[in-house]
C-alpha cells in the first residue's frame, strides 16, 4: 500500500453523511420525548419497550386490557403511546 492510498483511506473515514447524523438526532429526540412522557405519566423505564411496541403498530392492532387489575395496565401504555403520537403529529386513527 503506498502513502497516497493510505491517505485516501483515512479521508474516506471522515464524518458520517448528514442524513445519518440527522437520523441519529431525530432518534435521540424521540427517545427523550418517550422518556419525558413516560415519566410524566408515571411509567417506569422498564415500561418503555411496551410503549415502543405500540408505537410500531397501528392502534387498531393494539392489545386489549385483560381486566385483571394489573399495573401498569396495557391501557397505561396505550395512553402514553397516544400522547406521543399526538405530539409527533401522527394522524389519529382510533382511540
Foldseek 3Di string as FASTA:
>chain_A
DDPVVVVVVVVVPDDDDPVVVVVVVVVVVLVVLLVVLCVVLVHDPVCSVVLVVCLVDDVVPQDDWPPPPDPPTSVSSVVSNVVSCVVVVHDDDDD
